[in-house]
């Protein structure tokens, strides 16, 4: 494997890890900023509440 092939494989691996970590970072930020609204709505509906008068029960 010459130097060009090594650099090519290195860039492919770096691109894969960069995409994975950027997606994980975005999901963590999304879960931090939206956990009180997005993730609690199904729990509130499961408890029999409506979206007009939600009583959010936090875990």
N, C-alpha and C. Protein backbone atom coordinates (compact mmCIF):
# COMPACT_ATOMS: atom_id res chain seq x y z
N UNK A 1 0.86 -1.19 0.00
CA UNK A 1 0.00 0.00 0.00
C UNK A 1 0.89 1.24 0.00
N UNK A 2 0.78 2.03 -1.03
CA UNK A 2 1.63 3.21 -1.10
C UNK A 2 1.02 4.36 -0.30
N UNK A 3 1.71 5.49 -0.33
CA UNK A 3 1.28 6.61 0.51
C UNK A 3 -0.06 7.17 0.05
N UNK A 4 -0.32 7.15 -1.26
CA UNK A 4 -1.61 7.67 -1.73
C UNK A 4 -2.78 6.82 -1.23
N UNK A 5 -2.60 5.50 -1.26
CA UNK A 5 -3.66 4.63 -0.76
C UNK A 5 -3.85 4.78 0.74
N UNK A 6 -2.76 4.96 1.47
CA UNK A 6 -2.88 5.17 2.91
C UNK A 6 -3.64 6.46 3.20
N UNK A 7 -3.30 7.54 2.49
CA UNK A 7 -3.98 8.80 2.73
C UNK A 7 -5.45 8.71 2.33
N UNK A 8 -5.74 7.96 1.26
CA UNK A 8 -7.13 7.80 0.83
C UNK A 8 -7.96 7.08 1.89
N UNK A 9 -7.41 5.98 2.43
CA UNK A 9 -8.12 5.24 3.48
C UNK A 9 -8.27 6.11 4.72
N UNK A 10 -7.26 6.88 5.05
CA UNK A 10 -7.31 7.75 6.22
C UNK A 10 -8.41 8.80 6.09
N UNK A 11 -8.55 9.38 4.89
CA UNK A 11 -9.59 10.39 4.68
C UNK A 11 -10.98 9.78 4.71
N UNK A 12 -11.12 8.56 4.21
CA UNK A 12 -12.43 7.89 4.28
C UNK A 12 -12.81 7.64 5.73
N UNK A 13 -11.86 7.16 6.54
CA UNK A 13 -12.16 6.89 7.95
C UNK A 13 -12.46 8.19 8.69
N UNK A 14 -11.69 9.24 8.41
CA UNK A 14 -11.95 10.51 9.07
C UNK A 14 -13.32 11.04 8.71
N UNK A 15 -13.73 10.92 7.45
CA UNK A 15 -15.05 11.39 7.05
C UNK A 15 -16.15 10.61 7.73
N UNK A 16 -15.95 9.31 7.89
CA UNK A 16 -16.96 8.49 8.56
C UNK A 16 -17.10 8.88 10.01
N UNK A 17 -15.99 9.02 10.72
CA UNK A 17 -16.05 9.40 12.12
C UNK A 17 -16.59 10.82 12.29
N UNK A 18 -16.23 11.72 11.40
CA UNK A 18 -16.71 13.09 11.50
C UNK A 18 -18.23 13.15 11.32
N UNK A 19 -18.76 12.40 10.36
CA UNK A 19 -20.20 12.39 10.16
C UNK A 19 -20.91 11.78 11.36
N UNK A 20 -20.36 10.69 11.90
CA UNK A 20 -20.99 10.03 13.05
C UNK A 20 -21.01 10.95 14.26
N UNK A 21 -19.87 11.58 14.58
CA UNK A 21 -19.83 12.42 15.77
C UNK A 21 -20.64 13.69 15.60
N UNK A 22 -20.72 14.23 14.38
CA UNK A 22 -21.55 15.42 14.19
C UNK A 22 -23.02 15.08 14.37
N UNK A 23 -23.44 13.90 13.89
CA UNK A 23 -24.83 13.50 14.10
C UNK A 23 -25.12 13.27 15.58
N UNK A 24 -24.20 12.66 16.30
CA UNK A 24 -24.40 12.45 17.73
C UNK A 24 -24.45 13.77 18.49
N UNK A 25 -23.58 14.72 18.10
CA UNK A 25 -23.56 16.03 18.75
C UNK A 25 -24.88 16.75 18.51
N UNK A 26 -25.41 16.66 17.27
CA UNK A 26 -26.67 17.31 16.96
C UNK A 26 -27.80 16.68 17.75
N UNK A 27 -27.80 15.37 17.88
CA UNK A 27 -28.87 14.70 18.62
C UNK A 27 -28.82 15.06 20.11
N UNK A 28 -27.61 15.19 20.67
CA UNK A 28 -27.48 15.56 22.08
C UNK A 28 -28.01 16.96 22.31
N UNK A 29 -27.64 17.91 21.42
CA UNK A 29 -28.15 19.27 21.57
C UNK A 29 -29.67 19.30 21.41
N UNK A 30 -30.19 18.54 20.44
CA UNK A 30 -31.63 18.51 20.22
C UNK A 30 -32.36 17.95 21.45
N UNK A 31 -31.80 16.91 22.05
CA UNK A 31 -32.46 16.32 23.21
C UNK A 31 -32.40 17.25 24.41
N UNK A 32 -31.33 18.05 24.53
CA UNK A 32 -31.23 18.98 25.65
C UNK A 32 -32.25 20.11 25.50
N UNK A 33 -32.36 20.68 24.29
CA UNK A 33 -33.21 21.85 24.12
C UNK A 33 -34.68 21.49 23.92
N UNK A 34 -34.99 20.26 23.50
CA UNK A 34 -36.37 19.93 23.17
C UNK A 34 -36.96 18.86 24.08
N UNK A 35 -36.26 18.47 25.13
CA UNK A 35 -36.77 17.36 25.92
C UNK A 35 -38.03 17.76 26.69
N UNK A 36 -38.17 19.05 27.03
CA UNK A 36 -39.34 19.47 27.79
C UNK A 36 -40.58 19.61 26.93
N UNK A 37 -40.42 19.63 25.60
CA UNK A 37 -41.58 19.79 24.73
C UNK A 37 -41.81 18.54 23.89
N UNK A 38 -40.83 18.15 23.11
CA UNK A 38 -41.03 17.08 22.13
C UNK A 38 -41.14 15.72 22.80
N UNK A 39 -40.23 15.43 23.72
CA UNK A 39 -40.18 14.09 24.27
C UNK A 39 -41.20 13.86 25.37
N UNK A 40 -41.81 14.91 25.90
CA UNK A 40 -42.79 14.73 26.96
C UNK A 40 -44.21 14.68 26.44
N UNK A 41 -44.43 15.03 25.16
CA UNK A 41 -45.79 15.04 24.63
C UNK A 41 -46.40 13.63 24.58
N UNK A 42 -45.69 12.60 24.10
CA UNK A 42 -46.30 11.26 24.13
C UNK A 42 -46.58 10.78 25.54
N UNK A 43 -45.75 11.14 26.50
CA UNK A 43 -45.99 10.74 27.88
C UNK A 43 -47.25 11.42 28.42
N UNK A 44 -47.44 12.69 28.07
CA UNK A 44 -48.63 13.41 28.52
C UNK A 44 -49.89 12.84 27.88
N UNK A 45 -49.81 12.49 26.59
CA UNK A 45 -50.98 11.91 25.93
C UNK A 45 -51.29 10.52 26.47
N UNK A 46 -50.24 9.81 26.86
CA UNK A 46 -50.45 8.48 27.43
C UNK A 46 -51.17 8.55 28.78
N UNK A 47 -50.92 9.62 29.52
CA UNK A 47 -51.56 9.78 30.82
C UNK A 47 -53.00 10.25 30.70
N UNK A 48 -53.50 10.49 29.48
CA UNK A 48 -54.88 10.88 29.30
C UNK A 48 -55.08 12.38 29.23
N UNK A 49 -54.02 13.15 29.15
CA UNK A 49 -54.16 14.59 29.05
C UNK A 49 -54.27 15.00 27.58
N UNK A 50 -54.69 16.22 27.36
CA UNK A 50 -54.77 16.75 26.00
C UNK A 50 -53.67 17.78 25.80
N UNK A 51 -53.43 18.11 24.54
CA UNK A 51 -52.40 19.11 24.25
C UNK A 51 -52.88 20.51 24.61
N UNK A 52 -54.21 20.72 24.68
CA UNK A 52 -54.70 22.04 25.06
C UNK A 52 -54.47 22.31 26.55
N UNK A 53 -54.53 21.26 27.35
CA UNK A 53 -54.33 21.41 28.79
C UNK A 53 -53.37 20.33 29.26
N UNK A 54 -52.09 20.47 28.89
CA UNK A 54 -51.15 19.40 29.24
C UNK A 54 -50.68 19.48 30.68
N UNK A 55 -50.65 18.35 31.31
CA UNK A 55 -50.03 18.24 32.63
C UNK A 55 -48.86 17.30 32.46
N UNK A 56 -47.71 17.86 32.16
CA UNK A 56 -46.56 17.03 31.83
C UNK A 56 -45.99 16.40 33.10
N UNK A 57 -45.89 15.09 33.08
CA UNK A 57 -45.32 14.38 34.22
C UNK A 57 -43.91 13.96 33.85
N UNK A 58 -42.96 14.51 34.55
CA UNK A 58 -41.56 14.26 34.21
C UNK A 58 -41.10 12.98 34.84
N UNK A 59 -40.25 12.28 34.13
CA UNK A 59 -39.70 11.03 34.65
C UNK A 59 -38.68 11.33 35.74
